[in-house]
Amino acid sequence: HRIRSLLVAPTLFVLFLSALGHKEWRFVMYVVPLANI
């Protein structure tokens, strides 16, 4: 459950960015450290 709590914000972050047409991997790289945890 601690991991689920940790991933809430980064998941929503990626969802918000998905609404923008132009996409690059660098825009979402900030979620990688948390995903690696």
Full PDB file with SEQRES, HELIX, SHEET, SSBOND, CRYST1, ORIGX, SCALE, CONECT and MASTER records, all heavy atoms in Angstrom:
SEQRES   1 A   37  HIS ARG ILE ARG SER LEU LEU VAL ALA PRO THR LEU PHE          
SEQRES   2 A   37  VAL LEU PHE LEU SER ALA LEU GLY HIS LYS GLU TRP ARG          
SEQRES   3 A   37  PHE VAL MET TYR VAL VAL PRO LEU ALA ASN ILE                  
HELIX    1 AA1 ARG A    2  LEU A   17  1                                  16    
HELIX    2 AA2 TRP A   25  VAL A   31  5                                   7    
HELIX    3 AA3 VAL A   32  ASN A   36  1                                   5    
CRYST1    1.000    1.000    1.000  90.00  90.00  90.00 P 1           1          
ORIGX1      1.000000  0.000000  0.000000        0.00000                         
ORIGX2      0.000000  1.000000  0.000000        0.00000                         
ORIGX3      0.000000  0.000000  1.000000        0.00000                         
SCALE1      1.000000  0.000000  0.000000        0.00000                         
SCALE2      0.000000  1.000000  0.000000        0.00000                         
SCALE3      0.000000  0.000000  1.000000        0.00000                         
ATOM      1  N   HIS A   1       0.832  -1.210   0.000  1.00  0.00           N  
ATOM      2  CA  HIS A   1       0.000   0.000   0.000  1.00  0.00           C  
ATOM      3  C   HIS A   1       0.867   1.260   0.000  1.00  0.00           C  
ATOM      4  O   HIS A   1       0.449   2.318  -0.508  1.00  0.00           O  
ATOM      5  CB  HIS A   1      -0.927  -0.003   1.215  1.00  0.00           C  
ATOM      6  CG  HIS A   1      -0.209   0.167   2.525  1.00  0.00           C  
ATOM      7  ND1 HIS A   1       0.016   1.393   3.110  1.00  0.00           N  
ATOM      8  CD2 HIS A   1       0.353  -0.745   3.381  1.00  0.00           C  
ATOM      9  CE1 HIS A   1       0.679   1.250   4.236  1.00  0.00           C  
ATOM     10  NE2 HIS A   1       0.899  -0.046   4.432  1.00  0.00           N  
ATOM     11  N   ARG A   2       2.073   1.175   0.561  1.00  0.00           N  
ATOM     12  CA  ARG A   2       2.970   2.329   0.540  1.00  0.00           C  
ATOM     13  C   ARG A   2       3.379   2.677  -0.887  1.00  0.00           C  
ATOM     14  O   ARG A   2       3.524   3.853  -1.241  1.00  0.00           O  
ATOM     15  CB  ARG A   2       4.212   2.041   1.386  1.00  0.00           C  
ATOM     16  CG  ARG A   2       3.943   1.835   2.862  1.00  0.00           C  
ATOM     17  CD  ARG A   2       5.195   1.351   3.578  1.00  0.00           C  
ATOM     18  NE  ARG A   2       5.636   0.049   3.082  1.00  0.00           N  
ATOM     19  CZ  ARG A   2       6.760  -0.559   3.459  1.00  0.00           C  
ATOM     20  NH1 ARG A   2       7.564   0.035   4.340  1.00  0.00           N  
ATOM     21  NH2 ARG A   2       7.095  -1.739   2.976  1.00  0.00           N  
ATOM     22  N   ILE A   3       3.575   1.659  -1.721  1.00  0.00           N  
ATOM     23  CA  ILE A   3       3.917   1.881  -3.130  1.00  0.00           C  
ATOM     24  C   ILE A   3       2.737   2.490  -3.873  1.00  0.00           C  
ATOM     25  O   ILE A   3       2.905   3.403  -4.691  1.00  0.00           O  
ATOM     26  CB  ILE A   3       4.352   0.552  -3.788  1.00  0.00           C  
ATOM     27  CG1 ILE A   3       5.639   0.031  -3.152  1.00  0.00           C  
ATOM     28  CG2 ILE A   3       4.522   0.727  -5.290  1.00  0.00           C  
ATOM     29  CD1 ILE A   3       6.840   0.923  -3.341  1.00  0.00           C  
ATOM     30  N   ARG A   4       1.550   2.008  -3.580  1.00  0.00           N  
ATOM     31  CA  ARG A   4       0.359   2.570  -4.240  1.00  0.00           C  
ATOM     32  C   ARG A   4       0.218   4.057  -3.913  1.00  0.00           C  
ATOM     33  O   ARG A   4      -0.102   4.871  -4.783  1.00  0.00           O  
ATOM     34  CB  ARG A   4      -0.887   1.800  -3.817  1.00  0.00           C  
ATOM     35  CG  ARG A   4      -0.933   0.384  -4.350  1.00  0.00           C  
ATOM     36  CD  ARG A   4      -2.316  -0.225  -4.188  1.00  0.00           C  
ATOM     37  NE  ARG A   4      -2.655  -0.463  -2.781  1.00  0.00           N  
ATOM     38  CZ  ARG A   4      -2.325  -1.555  -2.110  1.00  0.00           C  
ATOM     39  NH1 ARG A   4      -1.635  -2.524  -2.721  1.00  0.00           N  
ATOM     40  NH2 ARG A   4      -2.688  -1.711  -0.853  1.00  0.00           N  
ATOM     41  N   SER A   5       0.466   4.407  -2.669  1.00  0.00           N  
ATOM     42  CA  SER A   5       0.397   5.816  -2.275  1.00  0.00           C  
ATOM     43  C   SER A   5       1.470   6.637  -2.978  1.00  0.00           C  
ATOM     44  O   SER A   5       1.220   7.766  -3.433  1.00  0.00           O  
ATOM     45  CB  SER A   5       0.564   5.925  -0.755  1.00  0.00           C  
ATOM     46  OG  SER A   5       0.597   7.272  -0.346  1.00  0.00           O  
ATOM     47  N   LEU A   6       2.637   6.054  -3.114  1.00  0.00           N  
ATOM     48  CA  LEU A   6       3.766   6.741  -3.740  1.00  0.00           C  
ATOM     49  C   LEU A   6       3.524   7.001  -5.232  1.00  0.00           C  
ATOM     50  O   LEU A   6       4.008   7.983  -5.791  1.00  0.00           O  
ATOM     51  CB  LEU A   6       5.016   5.892  -3.531  1.00  0.00           C  
ATOM     52  CG  LEU A   6       6.355   6.333  -4.075  1.00  0.00           C  
ATOM     53  CD1 LEU A   6       7.461   5.991  -3.087  1.00  0.00           C  
ATOM     54  CD2 LEU A   6       6.653   5.616  -5.401  1.00  0.00           C  
ATOM     55  N   LEU A   7       2.751   6.144  -5.881  1.00  0.00           N  
ATOM     56  CA  LEU A   7       2.557   6.232  -7.335  1.00  0.00           C  
ATOM     57  C   LEU A   7       1.335   7.052  -7.746  1.00  0.00           C  
ATOM     58  O   LEU A   7       1.108   7.256  -8.939  1.00  0.00           O  
ATOM     59  CB  LEU A   7       2.437   4.829  -7.934  1.00  0.00           C  
ATOM     60  CG  LEU A   7       3.702   3.964  -7.918  1.00  0.00           C  
ATOM     61  CD1 LEU A   7       3.434   2.601  -8.550  1.00  0.00           C  
ATOM     62  CD2 LEU A   7       4.854   4.658  -8.634  1.00  0.00           C  
ATOM     63  N   VAL A   8       0.538   7.525  -6.779  1.00  0.00           N  
ATOM     64  CA  VAL A   8      -0.677   8.272  -7.130  1.00  0.00           C  
ATOM     65  C   VAL A   8      -0.336   9.532  -7.917  1.00  0.00           C  
ATOM     66  O   VAL A   8      -0.856   9.770  -9.022  1.00  0.00           O  
ATOM     67  CB  VAL A   8      -1.479   8.622  -5.861  1.00  0.00           C  
ATOM     68  CG1 VAL A   8      -2.580   9.627  -6.199  1.00  0.00           C  
ATOM     69  CG2 VAL A   8      -2.092   7.370  -5.260  1.00  0.00           C  
ATOM     70  N   ALA A   9       0.531  10.377  -7.363  1.00  0.00           N  
ATOM     71  CA  ALA A   9       0.859  11.656  -8.005  1.00  0.00           C  
ATOM     72  C   ALA A   9       1.531  11.474  -9.364  1.00  0.00           C  
ATOM     73  O   ALA A   9       1.138  12.128 -10.347  1.00  0.00           O  
ATOM     74  CB  ALA A   9       1.730  12.501  -7.080  1.00  0.00           C  
ATOM     75  N   PRO A  10       2.555  10.604  -9.496  1.00  0.00           N  
ATOM     76  CA  PRO A  10       3.168  10.434 -10.812  1.00  0.00           C  
ATOM     77  C   PRO A  10       2.213   9.881 -11.869  1.00  0.00           C  
ATOM     78  O   PRO A  10       2.303  10.248 -13.039  1.00  0.00           O  
ATOM     79  CB  PRO A  10       4.335   9.474 -10.565  1.00  0.00           C  
ATOM     80  CG  PRO A  10       4.119   8.901  -9.227  1.00  0.00           C  
ATOM     81  CD  PRO A  10       3.320   9.886  -8.459  1.00  0.00           C  
ATOM     82  N   THR A  11       1.282   9.008 -11.460  1.00  0.00           N  
ATOM     83  CA  THR A  11       0.317   8.474 -12.420  1.00  0.00           C  
ATOM     84  C   THR A  11      -0.601   9.578 -12.929  1.00  0.00           C  
ATOM     85  O   THR A  11      -0.861   9.699 -14.132  1.00  0.00           O  
ATOM     86  CB  THR A  11      -0.514   7.353 -11.779  1.00  0.00           C  
ATOM     87  OG1 THR A  11       0.353   6.308 -11.330  1.00  0.00           O  
ATOM     88  CG2 THR A  11      -1.508   6.777 -12.782  1.00  0.00           C  
ATOM     89  N   LEU A  12      -1.094  10.415 -12.020  1.00  0.00           N  
ATOM     90  CA  LEU A  12      -1.936  11.545 -12.431  1.00  0.00           C  
ATOM     91  C   LEU A  12      -1.147  12.536 -13.275  1.00  0.00           C  
ATOM     92  O   LEU A  12      -1.678  13.126 -14.225  1.00  0.00           O  
ATOM     93  CB  LEU A  12      -2.513  12.233 -11.195  1.00  0.00           C  
ATOM     94  CG  LEU A  12      -3.550  11.421 -10.409  1.00  0.00           C  
ATOM     95  CD1 LEU A  12      -3.924  12.148  -9.124  1.00  0.00           C  
ATOM     96  CD2 LEU A  12      -4.783  11.155 -11.261  1.00  0.00           C  
ATOM     97  N   PHE A  13       0.112  12.723 -12.935  1.00  0.00           N  
ATOM     98  CA  PHE A  13       0.989  13.603 -13.712  1.00  0.00           C  
ATOM     99  C   PHE A  13       1.061  13.157 -15.169  1.00  0.00           C  
ATOM    100  O   PHE A  13       0.919  13.969 -16.097  1.00  0.00           O  
ATOM    101  CB  PHE A  13       2.375  13.599 -13.068  1.00  0.00           C  
ATOM    102  CG  PHE A  13       3.478  14.192 -13.895  1.00  0.00           C  
ATOM    103  CD1 PHE A  13       3.481  15.525 -14.229  1.00  0.00           C  
ATOM    104  CD2 PHE A  13       4.538  13.390 -14.330  1.00  0.00           C  
ATOM    105  CE1 PHE A  13       4.515  16.071 -14.986  1.00  0.00           C  
ATOM    106  CE2 PHE A  13       5.564  13.930 -15.079  1.00  0.00           C  
ATOM    107  CZ  PHE A  13       5.555  15.268 -15.409  1.00  0.00           C  
ATOM    108  N   VAL A  14       1.264  11.881 -15.400  1.00  0.00           N  
ATOM    109  CA  VAL A  14       1.334  11.355 -16.770  1.00  0.00           C  
ATOM    110  C   VAL A  14      -0.021  11.484 -17.460  1.00  0.00           C  
ATOM    111  O   VAL A  14      -0.096  11.813 -18.655  1.00  0.00           O  
ATOM    112  CB  VAL A  14       1.817   9.889 -16.771  1.00  0.00           C  
ATOM    113  CG1 VAL A  14       1.850   9.348 -18.191  1.00  0.00           C  
ATOM    114  CG2 VAL A  14       3.206   9.789 -16.140  1.00  0.00           C  
ATOM    115  N   LEU A  15      -1.095  11.257 -16.733  1.00  0.00           N  
ATOM    116  CA  LEU A  15      -2.431  11.414 -17.311  1.00  0.00           C  
ATOM    117  C   LEU A  15      -2.673  12.859 -17.743  1.00  0.00           C  
ATOM    118  O   LEU A  15      -3.213  13.116 -18.826  1.00  0.00           O  
ATOM    119  CB  LEU A  15      -3.491  10.984 -16.301  1.00  0.00           C  
ATOM    120  CG  LEU A  15      -3.690   9.475 -16.108  1.00  0.00           C  
ATOM    121  CD1 LEU A  15      -4.614   9.211 -14.932  1.00  0.00           C  
ATOM    122  CD2 LEU A  15      -4.244   8.836 -17.384  1.00  0.00           C  
ATOM    123  N   PHE A  16      -2.280  13.810 -16.910  1.00  0.00           N  
ATOM    124  CA  PHE A  16      -2.444  15.223 -17.274  1.00  0.00           C  
ATOM    125  C   PHE A  16      -1.639  15.564 -18.529  1.00  0.00           C  
ATOM    126  O   PHE A  16      -2.133  16.241 -19.446  1.00  0.00           O  
ATOM    127  CB  PHE A  16      -1.993  16.118 -16.111  1.00  0.00           C  
ATOM    128  CG  PHE A  16      -2.869  16.046 -14.894  1.00  0.00           C  
ATOM    129  CD1 PHE A  16      -2.356  16.345 -13.640  1.00  0.00           C  
ATOM    130  CD2 PHE A  16      -4.191  15.663 -14.997  1.00  0.00           C  
ATOM    131  CE1 PHE A  16      -3.152  16.268 -12.506  1.00  0.00           C  
ATOM    132  CE2 PHE A  16      -5.008  15.580 -13.867  1.00  0.00           C  
ATOM    133  CZ  PHE A  16      -4.489  15.882 -12.626  1.00  0.00           C  
ATOM    134  N   LEU A  17      -0.387  15.115 -18.575  1.00  0.00           N  
ATOM    135  CA  LEU A  17       0.452  15.403 -19.730  1.00  0.00           C  
ATOM    136  C   LEU A  17      -0.068  14.741 -20.997  1.00  0.00           C  
ATOM    137  O   LEU A  17       0.176  15.224 -22.108  1.00  0.00           O  
ATOM    138  CB  LEU A  17       1.891  14.941 -19.460  1.00  0.00           C  
ATOM    139  CG  LEU A  17       2.786  15.882 -18.652  1.00  0.00           C  
ATOM    140  CD1 LEU A  17       4.149  15.259 -18.452  1.00  0.00           C  
ATOM    141  CD2 LEU A  17       2.926  17.237 -19.329  1.00  0.00           C  
ATOM    142  N   SER A  18      -0.785  13.643 -20.847  1.00  0.00           N  
ATOM    143  CA  SER A  18      -1.315  12.929 -22.010  1.00  0.00           C  
ATOM    144  C   SER A  18      -2.347  13.751 -22.758  1.00  0.00           C  
ATOM    145  O   SER A  18      -2.655  13.468 -23.920  1.00  0.00           O  
ATOM    146  CB  SER A  18      -1.931  11.597 -21.566  1.00  0.00           C  
ATOM    147  OG  SER A  18      -0.943  10.742 -21.017  1.00  0.00           O  
ATOM    148  N   ALA A  19      -2.892  14.772 -22.109  1.00  0.00           N  
ATOM    149  CA  ALA A  19      -3.868  15.630 -22.775  1.00  0.00           C  
ATOM    150  C   ALA A  19      -3.222  16.576 -23.777  1.00  0.00           C  
ATOM    151  O   ALA A  19      -3.908  17.126 -24.652  1.00  0.00           O  
ATOM    152  CB  ALA A  19      -4.649  16.428 -21.733  1.00  0.00           C  
ATOM    153  N   LEU A  20      -1.911  16.778 -23.670  1.00  0.00           N  
ATOM    154  CA  LEU A  20      -1.194  17.650 -24.602  1.00  0.00           C  
ATOM    155  C   LEU A  20      -0.788  16.858 -25.838  1.00  0.00           C  
ATOM    156  O   LEU A  20      -0.366  15.703 -25.736  1.00  0.00           O  
ATOM    157  CB  LEU A  20       0.046  18.244 -23.938  1.00  0.00           C  
ATOM    158  CG  LEU A  20      -0.207  19.101 -22.692  1.00  0.00           C  
ATOM    159  CD1 LEU A  20       1.122  19.557 -22.088  1.00  0.00           C  
ATOM    160  CD2 LEU A  20      -1.077  20.311 -23.029  1.00  0.00           C  
ATOM    161  N   GLY A  21      -0.901  17.479 -26.980  1.00  0.00           N  
ATOM    162  CA  GLY A  21      -0.626  16.773 -28.238  1.00  0.00           C  
ATOM    163  C   GLY A  21       0.830  16.413 -28.429  1.00  0.00           C  
ATOM    164  O   GLY A  21       1.175  15.297 -28.818  1.00  0.00           O  
ATOM    165  N   HIS A  22       1.738  17.374 -28.151  1.00  0.00           N  
ATOM    166  CA  HIS A  22       3.168  17.121 -28.327  1.00  0.00           C  
ATOM    167  C   HIS A  22       3.704  16.370 -27.125  1.00  0.00           C  
ATOM    168  O   HIS A  22       3.539  16.797 -25.979  1.00  0.00           O  
ATOM    169  CB  HIS A  22       3.926  18.435 -28.502  1.00  0.00           C  
ATOM    170  CG  HIS A  22       5.399  18.253 -28.676  1.00  0.00           C  
ATOM    171  ND1 HIS A  22       5.935  17.574 -29.742  1.00  0.00           N  
ATOM    172  CD2 HIS A  22       6.452  18.653 -27.901  1.00  0.00           C  
ATOM    173  CE1 HIS A  22       7.257  17.570 -29.636  1.00  0.00           C  
ATOM    174  NE2 HIS A  22       7.591  18.209 -28.528  1.00  0.00           N  
ATOM    175  N   LYS A  23       4.356  15.260 -27.388  1.00  0.00           N  
ATOM    176  CA  LYS A  23       4.839  14.413 -26.298  1.00  0.00           C  
ATOM    177  C   LYS A  23       6.297  14.044 -26.533  1.00  0.00           C  
ATOM    178  O   LYS A  23       6.701  13.764 -27.651  1.00  0.00           O  
ATOM    179  CB  LYS A  23       3.988  13.133 -26.192  1.00  0.00           C  
ATOM    180  CG  LYS A  23       2.519  13.398 -25.855  1.00  0.00           C  
ATOM    181  CD  LYS A  23       1.697  12.129 -25.882  1.00  0.00           C  
ATOM    182  CE  LYS A  23       0.272  12.403 -25.448  1.00  0.00           C  
ATOM    183  NZ  LYS A  23      -0.428  13.309 -26.381  1.00  0.00           N  
ATOM    184  N   GLU A  24       7.055  14.046 -25.450  1.00  0.00           N  
ATOM    185  CA  GLU A  24       8.445  13.591 -25.474  1.00  0.00           C  
ATOM    186  C   GLU A  24       8.712  12.796 -24.206  1.00  0.00           C  
ATOM    187  O   GLU A  24       8.121  13.075 -23.152  1.00  0.00           O  
ATOM    188  CB  GLU A  24       9.416  14.779 -25.548  1.00  0.00           C  
ATOM    189  CG  GLU A  24       9.337  15.582 -26.833  1.00  0.00           C  
ATOM    190  CD  GLU A  24      10.383  16.676 -26.891  1.00  0.00           C  
ATOM    191  OE1 GLU A  24      11.467  16.486 -26.286  1.00  0.00           O  
ATOM    192  OE2 GLU A  24      10.135  17.707 -27.519  1.00  0.00           O  
ATOM    193  N   TRP A  25       9.620  11.838 -24.293  1.00  0.00           N  
ATOM    194  CA  TRP A  25       9.916  11.016 -23.122  1.00  0.00           C  
ATOM    195  C   TRP A  25      10.472  11.849 -21.980  1.00  0.00           C  
ATOM    196  O   TRP A  25      10.263  11.537 -20.801  1.00  0.00           O  
ATOM    197  CB  TRP A  25      10.897   9.896 -23.481  1.00  0.00           C  
ATOM    198  CG  TRP A  25      12.291  10.337 -23.827  1.00  0.00           C  
ATOM    199  CD1 TRP A  25      12.799  10.589 -25.069  1.00  0.00           C  
ATOM    200  CD2 TRP A  25      13.355  10.617 -22.898  1.00  0.00           C  
ATOM    201  NE1 TRP A  25      14.113  10.995 -24.979  1.00  0.00           N  
ATOM    202  CE2 TRP A  25      14.484  11.013 -23.662  1.00  0.00           C  
ATOM    203  CE3 TRP A  25      13.473  10.547 -21.513  1.00  0.00           C  
ATOM    204  CZ2 TRP A  25      15.700  11.350 -23.072  1.00  0.00           C  
ATOM    205  CZ3 TRP A  25      14.689  10.888 -20.923  1.00  0.00           C  
ATOM    206  CH2 TRP A  25      15.787  11.283 -21.706  1.00  0.00           C  
ATOM    207  N   ARG A  26      11.177  12.952 -22.313  1.00  0.00           N  
ATOM    208  CA  ARG A  26      11.786  13.765 -21.265  1.00  0.00           C  
ATOM    209  C   ARG A  26      10.750  14.435 -20.366  1.00  0.00           C  
ATOM    210  O   ARG A  26      11.038  14.767 -19.221  1.00  0.00           O  
ATOM    211  CB  ARG A  26      12.701  14.829 -21.878  1.00  0.00           C  
ATOM    212  CG  ARG A  26      13.978  14.272 -22.463  1.00  0.00           C  
ATOM    213  CD  ARG A  26      14.959  15.380 -22.805  1.00  0.00           C  
ATOM    214  NE  ARG A  26      14.450  16.280 -23.816  1.00  0.00           N  
ATOM    215  CZ  ARG A  26      14.568  16.078 -25.124  1.00  0.00           C  
ATOM    216  NH1 ARG A  26      15.188  14.996 -25.566  1.00  0.00           N  
ATOM    217  NH2 ARG A  26      14.082  16.938 -25.986  1.00  0.00           N  
ATOM    218  N   PHE A  27       9.528  14.641 -20.900  1.00  0.00           N  
ATOM    219  CA  PHE A  27       8.495  15.296 -20.097  1.00  0.00           C  
ATOM    220  C   PHE A  27       8.045  14.429 -18.920  1.00  0.00           C  
ATOM    221  O   PHE A  27       7.566  14.958 -17.912  1.00  0.00           O  
ATOM    222  CB  PHE A  27       7.278  15.642 -20.964  1.00  0.00           C  
ATOM    223  CG  PHE A  27       7.563  16.627 -22.069  1.00  0.00           C  
ATOM    224  CD1 PHE A  27       6.650  16.817 -23.094  1.00  0.00           C  
ATOM    225  CD2 PHE A  27       8.729  17.371 -22.092  1.00  0.00           C  
ATOM    226  CE1 PHE A  27       6.892  17.723 -24.113  1.00  0.00           C  
ATOM    227  CE2 PHE A  27       8.993  18.277 -23.113  1.00  0.00           C  
ATOM    228  CZ  PHE A  27       8.062  18.458 -24.121  1.00  0.00           C  
ATOM    229  N   VAL A  28       8.165  13.116 -19.041  1.00  0.00           N  
ATOM    230  CA  VAL A  28       7.659  12.218 -17.993  1.00  0.00           C  
ATOM    231  C   VAL A  28       8.779  11.480 -17.259  1.00  0.00           C  
ATOM    232  O   VAL A  28       8.515  10.578 -16.474  1.00  0.00           O  
ATOM    233  CB  VAL A  28       6.649  11.197 -18.556  1.00  0.00           C  
ATOM    234  CG1 VAL A  28       5.397  11.892 -19.069  1.00  0.00           C  
ATOM    235  CG2 VAL A  28       7.274  10.348 -19.658  1.00  0.00           C  
ATOM    236  N   MET A  29       9.991  11.856 -17.495  1.00  0.00           N  
ATOM    237  CA  MET A  29      11.108  11.111 -16.904  1.00  0.00           C  
ATOM    238  C   MET A  29      11.152  11.240 -15.383  1.00  0.00           C  
ATOM    239  O   MET A  29      11.746  10.416 -14.698  1.00  0.00           O  
ATOM    240  CB  MET A  29      12.425  11.599 -17.488  1.00  0.00           C  
ATOM    241  CG  MET A  29      12.711  13.030 -17.163  1.00  0.00           C  
ATOM    242  SD  MET A  29      14.388  13.492 -17.496  1.00  0.00           S  
ATOM    243  CE  MET A  29      14.562  14.833 -16.308  1.00  0.00           C  
ATOM    244  N   TYR A  30      10.474  12.275 -14.825  1.00  0.00           N  
ATOM    245  CA  TYR A  30      10.502  12.471 -13.378  1.00  0.00           C  
ATOM    246  C   TYR A  30       9.796  11.343 -12.623  1.00  0.00           C  
ATOM    247  O   TYR A  30       9.994  11.201 -11.413  1.00  0.00           O  
ATOM    248  CB  TYR A  30       9.839  13.809 -13.012  1.00  0.00           C  
ATOM    249  CG  TYR A  30      10.263  14.949 -13.892  1.00  0.00           C  
ATOM    250  CD1 TYR A  30       9.395  15.472 -14.856  1.00  0.00           C  
ATOM    251  CD2 TYR A  30      11.539  15.493 -13.800  1.00  0.00           C  
ATOM    252  CE1 TYR A  30       9.781  16.509 -15.680  1.00  0.00           C  
ATOM    253  CE2 TYR A  30      11.936  16.531 -14.629  1.00  0.00           C  
ATOM    254  CZ  TYR A  30      11.046  17.025 -15.579  1.00  0.00           C  
ATOM    255  OH  TYR A  30      11.438  18.048 -16.400  1.00  0.00           O  
ATOM    256  N   VAL A  31       8.989  10.557 -13.318  1.00  0.00           N  
ATOM    257  CA  VAL A  31       8.277   9.462 -12.643  1.00  0.00           C  
ATOM    258  C   VAL A  31       9.152   8.210 -12.551  1.00  0.00           C  
ATOM    259  O   VAL A  31       8.823   7.287 -11.813  1.00  0.00           O  
ATOM    260  CB  VAL A  31       6.943   9.113 -13.350  1.00  0.00           C  
ATOM    261  CG1 VAL A  31       6.108  10.359 -13.582  1.00  0.00           C  
ATOM    262  CG2 VAL A  31       7.181   8.394 -14.671  1.00  0.00           C  
ATOM    263  N   VAL A  32      10.252   8.169 -13.302  1.00  0.00           N  
ATOM    264  CA  VAL A  32      11.059   6.953 -13.369  1.00  0.00           C  
ATOM    265  C   VAL A  32      11.641   6.555 -12.006  1.00  0.00           C  
ATOM    266  O   VAL A  32      11.567   5.378 -11.624  1.00  0.00           O  
ATOM    267  CB  VAL A  32      12.161   7.095 -14.433  1.00  0.00           C  
ATOM    268  CG1 VAL A  32      13.123   5.905 -14.387  1.00  0.00           C  
ATOM    269  CG2 VAL A  32      11.534   7.202 -15.825  1.00  0.00           C  
ATOM    270  N   PRO A  33      12.235   7.483 -11.217  1.00  0.00           N  
ATOM    271  CA  PRO A  33      12.759   7.057  -9.915  1.00  0.00           C  
ATOM    272  C   PRO A  33      11.696   6.432  -9.015  1.00  0.00           C  
ATOM    273  O   PRO A  33      11.967   5.429  -8.335  1.00  0.00           O  
ATOM    274  CB  PRO A  33      13.315   8.358  -9.319  1.00  0.00           C  
ATOM    275  CG  PRO A  33      13.667   9.196 -10.506  1.00  0.00           C  
ATOM    276  CD  PRO A  33      12.596   8.894 -11.500  1.00  0.00           C  
ATOM    277  N   LEU A  34      10.495   6.992  -9.003  1.00  0.00           N  
ATOM    278  CA  LEU A  34       9.435   6.431  -8.170  1.00  0.00           C  
ATOM    279  C   LEU A  34       8.968   5.086  -8.710  1.00  0.00           C  
ATOM    280  O   LEU A  34       8.697   4.153  -7.935  1.00  0.00           O  
ATOM    281  CB  LEU A  34       8.256   7.403  -8.076  1.00  0.00           C  
ATOM    282  CG  LEU A  34       8.557   8.754  -7.412  1.00  0.00           C  
ATOM    283  CD1 LEU A  34       7.283   9.570  -7.271  1.00  0.00           C  
ATOM    284  CD2 LEU A  34       9.212   8.568  -6.058  1.00  0.00           C  
ATOM    285  N   ALA A  35       8.872   4.975 -10.036  1.00  0.00           N  
ATOM    286  CA  ALA A  35       8.509   3.686 -10.628  1.00  0.00           C  
ATOM    287  C   ALA A  35       9.567   2.636 -10.323  1.00  0.00           C  
ATOM    288  O   ALA A  35       9.235   1.453 -10.120  1.00  0.00           O  
ATOM    289  CB  ALA A  35       8.324   3.844 -12.138  1.00  0.00           C  
ATOM    290  N   ASN A  36      10.814   3.039 -10.266  1.00  0.00           N  
ATOM    291  CA  ASN A  36      11.886   2.088  -9.951  1.00  0.00           C  
ATOM    292  C   ASN A  36      11.849   1.651  -8.484  1.00  0.00           C  
ATOM    293  O   ASN A  36      12.253   0.527  -8.161  1.00  0.00           O  
ATOM    294  CB  ASN A  36      13.249   2.696 -10.291  1.00  0.00           C  
ATOM    295  CG  ASN A  36      13.520   2.700 -11.777  1.00  0.00           C  
ATOM    296  OD1 ASN A  36      12.868   1.988 -12.541  1.00  0.00           O  
ATOM    297  ND2 ASN A  36      14.472   3.504 -12.207  1.00  0.00           N  
ATOM    298  N   ILE A  37      11.389   2.539  -7.602  1.00  0.00           N  
ATOM    299  CA  ILE A  37      11.179   2.120  -6.210  1.00  0.00           C  
ATOM    300  C   ILE A  37      10.115   1.030  -6.165  1.00  0.00           C  
ATOM    301  O   ILE A  37      10.277   0.001  -5.489  1.00  0.00           O  
ATOM    302  CB  ILE A  37      10.765   3.317  -5.335  1.00  0.00           C  
ATOM    303  CG1 ILE A  37      11.898   4.343  -5.258  1.00  0.00           C  
ATOM    304  CG2 ILE A  37      10.389   2.847  -3.936  1.00  0.00           C  
ATOM    305  CD1 ILE A  37      11.519   5.624  -4.518  1.00  0.00           C  
TER     306      ILE A  37                                                      
MASTER        0    0    0    3    0    0    0    6  305    1    0    3          
END                                                                             
